[in-house]
């Protein structure tokens, strides 16, 4: 099961001093076994989205990682780290080595 945040760039926001601002609108958070399942749940649980004439085709999303997902990534990175670092260095630090990805993931999971 995945958790998603759904949003759109349709519409606008009114600021506290009554300025009209173009911005993203959060439509909701939903779970789903697939993205399509998440969208179906979003529309089923929030009838106002279609009633408000938001374009369903323009809905954007991001998958939200749970704390368990992040911990699993951390475990995987730590497991691979020493061997891949050694292989990376022994192979003269190629630009397309998986170690670059491990470094990026390590930064975002710490």
N, C-alpha and C. Protein backbone atom coordinates (compact mmCIF):
# COMPACT_ATOMS: atom_id res chain seq x y z
N UNK A 1 0.85 -1.18 0.00
CA UNK A 1 0.00 0.00 0.00
C UNK A 1 0.90 1.24 0.00
N UNK A 2 0.58 2.16 -0.87
CA UNK A 2 1.33 3.41 -0.96
C UNK A 2 0.45 4.57 -0.49
N UNK A 3 1.09 5.61 -0.01
CA UNK A 3 0.38 6.82 0.37
C UNK A 3 0.82 7.92 -0.59
N UNK A 4 -0.16 8.69 -1.06
CA UNK A 4 0.10 9.75 -2.03
C UNK A 4 -0.44 11.08 -1.52
N UNK A 5 0.20 12.16 -1.98
CA UNK A 5 -0.36 13.49 -1.82
C UNK A 5 -0.74 13.94 -3.23
N UNK A 6 -1.95 14.42 -3.39
CA UNK A 6 -2.46 14.87 -4.68
C UNK A 6 -2.63 16.38 -4.65
N UNK A 7 -2.23 17.03 -5.75
CA UNK A 7 -2.31 18.48 -5.82
C UNK A 7 -2.52 18.91 -7.27
N UNK A 8 -2.82 20.19 -7.43
CA UNK A 8 -3.03 20.75 -8.77
C UNK A 8 -2.52 22.19 -8.80
N UNK A 9 -2.21 22.64 -10.00
CA UNK A 9 -1.84 24.05 -10.14
C UNK A 9 -3.01 24.88 -10.69
N UNK A 10 -4.19 24.25 -10.76
CA UNK A 10 -5.39 24.99 -11.15
C UNK A 10 -5.89 25.80 -9.95
N UNK A 11 -6.44 26.92 -10.22
CA UNK A 11 -7.01 27.72 -9.13
C UNK A 11 -6.01 28.72 -8.57
N UNK A 12 -6.35 29.28 -7.45
CA UNK A 12 -5.52 30.30 -6.82
C UNK A 12 -5.79 30.31 -5.33
N UNK A 13 -4.98 31.08 -4.62
CA UNK A 13 -5.11 31.25 -3.18
C UNK A 13 -5.27 32.74 -2.89
N UNK A 14 -6.06 33.05 -1.89
CA UNK A 14 -6.19 34.43 -1.44
C UNK A 14 -5.35 34.58 -0.18
N UNK A 15 -4.40 35.49 -0.21
CA UNK A 15 -3.50 35.69 0.91
C UNK A 15 -4.22 36.40 2.05
N UNK A 16 -3.61 36.45 3.24
CA UNK A 16 -4.23 37.15 4.37
C UNK A 16 -4.55 38.62 4.10
N UNK A 17 -3.79 39.27 3.18
CA UNK A 17 -4.11 40.68 2.88
C UNK A 17 -4.94 40.79 1.60
N UNK A 18 -5.62 39.69 1.22
CA UNK A 18 -6.56 39.63 0.10
C UNK A 18 -5.93 39.70 -1.28
N UNK A 19 -4.62 39.47 -1.39
CA UNK A 19 -4.01 39.35 -2.71
C UNK A 19 -4.39 38.00 -3.30
N UNK A 20 -4.61 37.98 -4.61
CA UNK A 20 -4.89 36.73 -5.30
C UNK A 20 -3.57 36.19 -5.84
N UNK A 21 -3.23 34.97 -5.44
CA UNK A 21 -1.95 34.38 -5.80
C UNK A 21 -2.15 33.07 -6.54
N UNK A 22 -1.42 32.90 -7.64
CA UNK A 22 -1.41 31.60 -8.29
C UNK A 22 -0.59 30.67 -7.41
N UNK A 23 -1.07 29.46 -7.20
CA UNK A 23 -0.36 28.55 -6.32
C UNK A 23 -0.85 27.13 -6.56
N UNK A 24 -0.22 26.20 -5.90
CA UNK A 24 -0.66 24.82 -5.94
C UNK A 24 -1.74 24.62 -4.88
N UNK A 25 -2.70 23.77 -5.19
CA UNK A 25 -3.77 23.45 -4.26
C UNK A 25 -3.62 21.99 -3.85
N UNK A 26 -3.58 21.72 -2.57
CA UNK A 26 -3.56 20.35 -2.08
C UNK A 26 -4.99 19.82 -2.19
N UNK A 27 -5.15 18.71 -2.90
CA UNK A 27 -6.48 18.11 -3.06
C UNK A 27 -6.73 17.02 -2.03
N UNK A 28 -5.68 16.39 -1.54
CA UNK A 28 -5.87 15.39 -0.52
C UNK A 28 -4.73 14.39 -0.43
N UNK A 29 -4.83 13.54 0.56
CA UNK A 29 -3.89 12.45 0.80
C UNK A 29 -4.69 11.16 0.73
N UNK A 30 -4.18 10.17 0.02
CA UNK A 30 -4.89 8.89 -0.07
C UNK A 30 -3.91 7.74 -0.18
N UNK A 31 -4.40 6.58 0.22
CA UNK A 31 -3.66 5.33 0.07
C UNK A 31 -4.16 4.60 -1.16
N UNK A 32 -3.31 3.75 -1.69
CA UNK A 32 -3.70 2.90 -2.81
C UNK A 32 -2.63 1.86 -3.09
N UNK A 33 -3.05 0.70 -3.57
CA UNK A 33 -2.08 -0.34 -3.96
C UNK A 33 -1.32 0.12 -5.19
N UNK A 34 -1.95 0.96 -6.00
CA UNK A 34 -1.33 1.55 -7.19
C UNK A 34 -1.70 3.02 -7.22
N UNK A 35 -1.05 3.76 -8.11
CA UNK A 35 -1.39 5.17 -8.27
C UNK A 35 -2.85 5.31 -8.68
N UNK A 36 -3.29 4.49 -9.62
CA UNK A 36 -4.68 4.57 -10.07
C UNK A 36 -5.65 4.30 -8.92
N UNK A 37 -5.29 3.37 -8.05
CA UNK A 37 -6.11 3.10 -6.87
C UNK A 37 -6.16 4.31 -5.93
N UNK A 38 -5.02 4.99 -5.79
CA UNK A 38 -4.98 6.19 -4.96
C UNK A 38 -5.85 7.29 -5.53
N UNK A 39 -5.79 7.48 -6.86
CA UNK A 39 -6.63 8.50 -7.51
C UNK A 39 -8.10 8.15 -7.36
N UNK A 40 -8.44 6.88 -7.55
CA UNK A 40 -9.84 6.45 -7.38
C UNK A 40 -10.32 6.74 -5.97
N UNK A 41 -9.50 6.44 -4.97
CA UNK A 41 -9.87 6.72 -3.58
C UNK A 41 -10.02 8.22 -3.35
N UNK A 42 -9.12 9.01 -3.94
CA UNK A 42 -9.19 10.46 -3.80
C UNK A 42 -10.53 10.99 -4.31
N UNK A 43 -10.91 10.57 -5.50
CA UNK A 43 -12.15 11.06 -6.10
C UNK A 43 -13.39 10.52 -5.38
N UNK A 44 -13.31 9.28 -4.93
CA UNK A 44 -14.44 8.68 -4.20
C UNK A 44 -14.67 9.36 -2.85
N UNK A 45 -13.58 9.75 -2.19
CA UNK A 45 -13.68 10.33 -0.85
C UNK A 45 -13.79 11.85 -0.86
N UNK A 46 -13.66 12.45 -2.03
CA UNK A 46 -13.68 13.92 -2.12
C UNK A 46 -14.48 14.34 -3.35
N UNK A 47 -15.78 14.18 -3.27
CA UNK A 47 -16.66 14.51 -4.42
C UNK A 47 -16.55 15.98 -4.83
N UNK A 48 -16.13 16.82 -3.93
CA UNK A 48 -16.01 18.25 -4.22
C UNK A 48 -14.98 18.53 -5.32
N UNK A 49 -14.01 17.62 -5.53
CA UNK A 49 -12.98 17.86 -6.55
C UNK A 49 -13.62 17.94 -7.93
N UNK A 50 -14.45 16.96 -8.26
CA UNK A 50 -15.12 16.98 -9.57
C UNK A 50 -16.19 18.07 -9.62
N UNK A 51 -16.92 18.26 -8.51
CA UNK A 51 -17.95 19.30 -8.48
C UNK A 51 -17.36 20.69 -8.66
N UNK A 52 -16.11 20.88 -8.21
CA UNK A 52 -15.43 22.17 -8.34
C UNK A 52 -14.80 22.36 -9.71
N UNK A 53 -14.95 21.35 -10.58
CA UNK A 53 -14.47 21.42 -11.97
C UNK A 53 -12.95 21.38 -12.11
N UNK A 54 -12.26 20.78 -11.11
CA UNK A 54 -10.84 20.54 -11.30
C UNK A 54 -10.68 19.51 -12.41
N UNK A 55 -9.69 19.71 -13.27
CA UNK A 55 -9.43 18.79 -14.38
C UNK A 55 -8.69 17.57 -13.83
N UNK A 56 -9.36 16.44 -13.84
CA UNK A 56 -8.80 15.20 -13.28
C UNK A 56 -7.49 14.83 -13.96
N UNK A 57 -7.37 15.14 -15.24
CA UNK A 57 -6.16 14.83 -16.01
C UNK A 57 -4.95 15.68 -15.57
N UNK A 58 -5.21 16.79 -14.91
CA UNK A 58 -4.13 17.68 -14.49
C UNK A 58 -3.70 17.46 -13.05
N UNK A 59 -4.31 16.51 -12.37
CA UNK A 59 -3.94 16.24 -10.98
C UNK A 59 -2.52 15.69 -10.95
N UNK A 60 -1.71 16.27 -10.08
CA UNK A 60 -0.34 15.85 -9.89
C UNK A 60 -0.26 15.08 -8.57
N UNK A 61 0.83 14.34 -8.40
CA UNK A 61 0.96 13.55 -7.17
C UNK A 61 2.43 13.35 -6.81
N UNK A 62 2.65 13.01 -5.58
CA UNK A 62 3.94 12.55 -5.07
C UNK A 62 3.66 11.38 -4.14
N UNK A 63 4.52 10.40 -4.18
CA UNK A 63 4.41 9.29 -3.26
C UNK A 63 5.06 9.71 -1.95
N UNK A 64 4.40 9.43 -0.85
CA UNK A 64 4.92 9.76 0.47
C UNK A 64 5.54 8.50 1.06
N UNK A 65 6.81 8.59 1.44
CA UNK A 65 7.48 7.46 2.06
C UNK A 65 7.15 7.43 3.55
N UNK A 66 6.82 6.25 4.03
CA UNK A 66 6.56 6.09 5.46
C UNK A 66 7.89 6.00 6.20
N UNK A 67 7.85 6.11 7.50
CA UNK A 67 9.08 5.97 8.29
C UNK A 67 9.66 4.57 8.12
N UNK A 68 8.80 3.58 7.92
CA UNK A 68 9.27 2.21 7.67
C UNK A 68 9.97 2.12 6.32
N UNK A 69 9.43 2.78 5.29
CA UNK A 69 10.08 2.81 3.97
C UNK A 69 11.47 3.42 4.08
N UNK A 70 11.58 4.53 4.79
CA UNK A 70 12.87 5.20 4.94
C UNK A 70 13.85 4.32 5.70
N UNK A 71 13.38 3.66 6.74
CA UNK A 71 14.24 2.76 7.50
C UNK A 71 14.71 1.60 6.63
N UNK A 72 13.83 1.07 5.78
CA UNK A 72 14.23 -0.01 4.86
C UNK A 72 15.29 0.48 3.87
N UNK A 73 15.13 1.68 3.35
CA UNK A 73 16.14 2.26 2.46
C UNK A 73 17.48 2.42 3.18
N UNK A 74 17.42 2.90 4.41
CA UNK A 74 18.64 3.06 5.20
C UNK A 74 19.35 1.73 5.39
N UNK A 75 18.59 0.69 5.69
CA UNK A 75 19.16 -0.65 5.88
C UNK A 75 19.82 -1.14 4.60
N UNK A 76 19.16 -0.96 3.47
CA UNK A 76 19.71 -1.37 2.18
C UNK A 76 20.99 -0.60 1.85
N UNK A 77 20.97 0.70 2.04
CA UNK A 77 22.14 1.53 1.75
C UNK A 77 23.32 1.10 2.62
N UNK A 78 23.07 0.93 3.91
CA UNK A 78 24.15 0.52 4.81
C UNK A 78 24.70 -0.85 4.45
N UNK A 79 23.85 -1.74 4.01
CA UNK A 79 24.27 -3.08 3.60
C UNK A 79 25.20 -3.01 2.38
N UNK A 80 24.87 -2.16 1.42
CA UNK A 80 25.63 -2.07 0.17
C UNK A 80 26.84 -1.14 0.24
N UNK A 81 26.85 -0.24 1.20
CA UNK A 81 27.79 0.87 1.22
C UNK A 81 29.26 0.46 1.08
N UNK A 82 29.77 -0.35 1.97
CA UNK A 82 31.21 -0.68 1.97
C UNK A 82 31.63 -1.39 0.69
N UNK A 83 30.86 -2.40 0.28
CA UNK A 83 31.23 -3.14 -0.93
C UNK A 83 31.18 -2.26 -2.18
N UNK A 84 30.15 -1.45 -2.30
CA UNK A 84 30.02 -0.60 -3.49
C UNK A 84 31.05 0.52 -3.49
N UNK A 85 31.37 1.04 -2.32
CA UNK A 85 32.40 2.08 -2.24
C UNK A 85 33.75 1.50 -2.68
N UNK A 86 34.06 0.31 -2.20
CA UNK A 86 35.31 -0.36 -2.58
C UNK A 86 35.33 -0.62 -4.09
N UNK A 87 34.26 -1.15 -4.62
CA UNK A 87 34.18 -1.43 -6.06
C UNK A 87 34.30 -0.13 -6.87
N UNK A 88 33.66 0.92 -6.41
CA UNK A 88 33.70 2.23 -7.05
C UNK A 88 35.15 2.74 -7.13
N UNK A 89 35.84 2.66 -6.01
CA UNK A 89 37.23 3.15 -5.97
C UNK A 89 38.16 2.27 -6.81
N UNK A 90 37.95 0.95 -6.76
CA UNK A 90 38.79 0.03 -7.54
C UNK A 90 38.57 0.17 -9.04
N UNK A 91 37.39 0.60 -9.42
CA UNK A 91 37.08 0.73 -10.85
C UNK A 91 37.32 2.17 -11.34
N UNK A 92 38.13 2.91 -10.59
CA UNK A 92 38.56 4.26 -10.96
C UNK A 92 37.41 5.27 -11.01
N UNK A 93 36.44 5.09 -10.14
CA UNK A 93 35.35 6.04 -9.92
C UNK A 93 34.58 6.43 -11.19
N UNK A 94 33.99 5.46 -11.86
CA UNK A 94 33.23 5.79 -13.08
C UNK A 94 32.01 6.64 -12.76
N UNK A 95 31.64 7.49 -13.70
CA UNK A 95 30.52 8.42 -13.50
C UNK A 95 29.17 7.72 -13.42
N UNK A 96 29.06 6.54 -14.00
CA UNK A 96 27.77 5.85 -14.02
C UNK A 96 27.67 4.73 -12.97
N UNK A 97 28.52 4.77 -11.97
CA UNK A 97 28.53 3.72 -10.93
C UNK A 97 27.36 3.90 -9.96
N UNK A 98 26.83 2.80 -9.48
CA UNK A 98 25.70 2.82 -8.55
C UNK A 98 26.04 3.54 -7.24
N UNK A 99 27.31 3.66 -6.92
CA UNK A 99 27.71 4.31 -5.67
C UNK A 99 27.24 5.77 -5.63
N UNK A 100 27.17 6.44 -6.77
CA UNK A 100 26.66 7.82 -6.80
C UNK A 100 25.21 7.87 -6.32
N UNK A 101 24.43 6.91 -6.72
CA UNK A 101 23.03 6.85 -6.28
C UNK A 101 22.95 6.54 -4.80
N UNK A 102 23.78 5.62 -4.34
CA UNK A 102 23.80 5.30 -2.90
C UNK A 102 24.13 6.54 -2.08
N UNK A 103 25.08 7.34 -2.53
CA UNK A 103 25.44 8.58 -1.81
C UNK A 103 24.27 9.54 -1.74
N UNK A 104 23.55 9.69 -2.85
CA UNK A 104 22.39 10.57 -2.86
C UNK A 104 21.30 10.07 -1.90
N UNK A 105 21.04 8.75 -1.96
CA UNK A 105 20.01 8.18 -1.07
C UNK A 105 20.41 8.29 0.39
N UNK A 106 21.68 8.12 0.67
CA UNK A 106 22.15 8.23 2.05
C UNK A 106 21.89 9.63 2.59
N UNK A 107 22.10 10.63 1.73
CA UNK A 107 21.86 12.03 2.18
C UNK A 107 20.40 12.27 2.51
N UNK A 108 19.48 11.73 1.70
CA UNK A 108 18.06 12.04 1.93
C UNK A 108 17.42 11.14 2.99
N UNK A 109 18.09 10.05 3.37
CA UNK A 109 17.51 9.15 4.36
C UNK A 109 18.10 9.35 5.75
N UNK A 110 19.07 10.24 5.88
CA UNK A 110 19.67 10.51 7.21
C UNK A 110 19.06 11.70 7.85
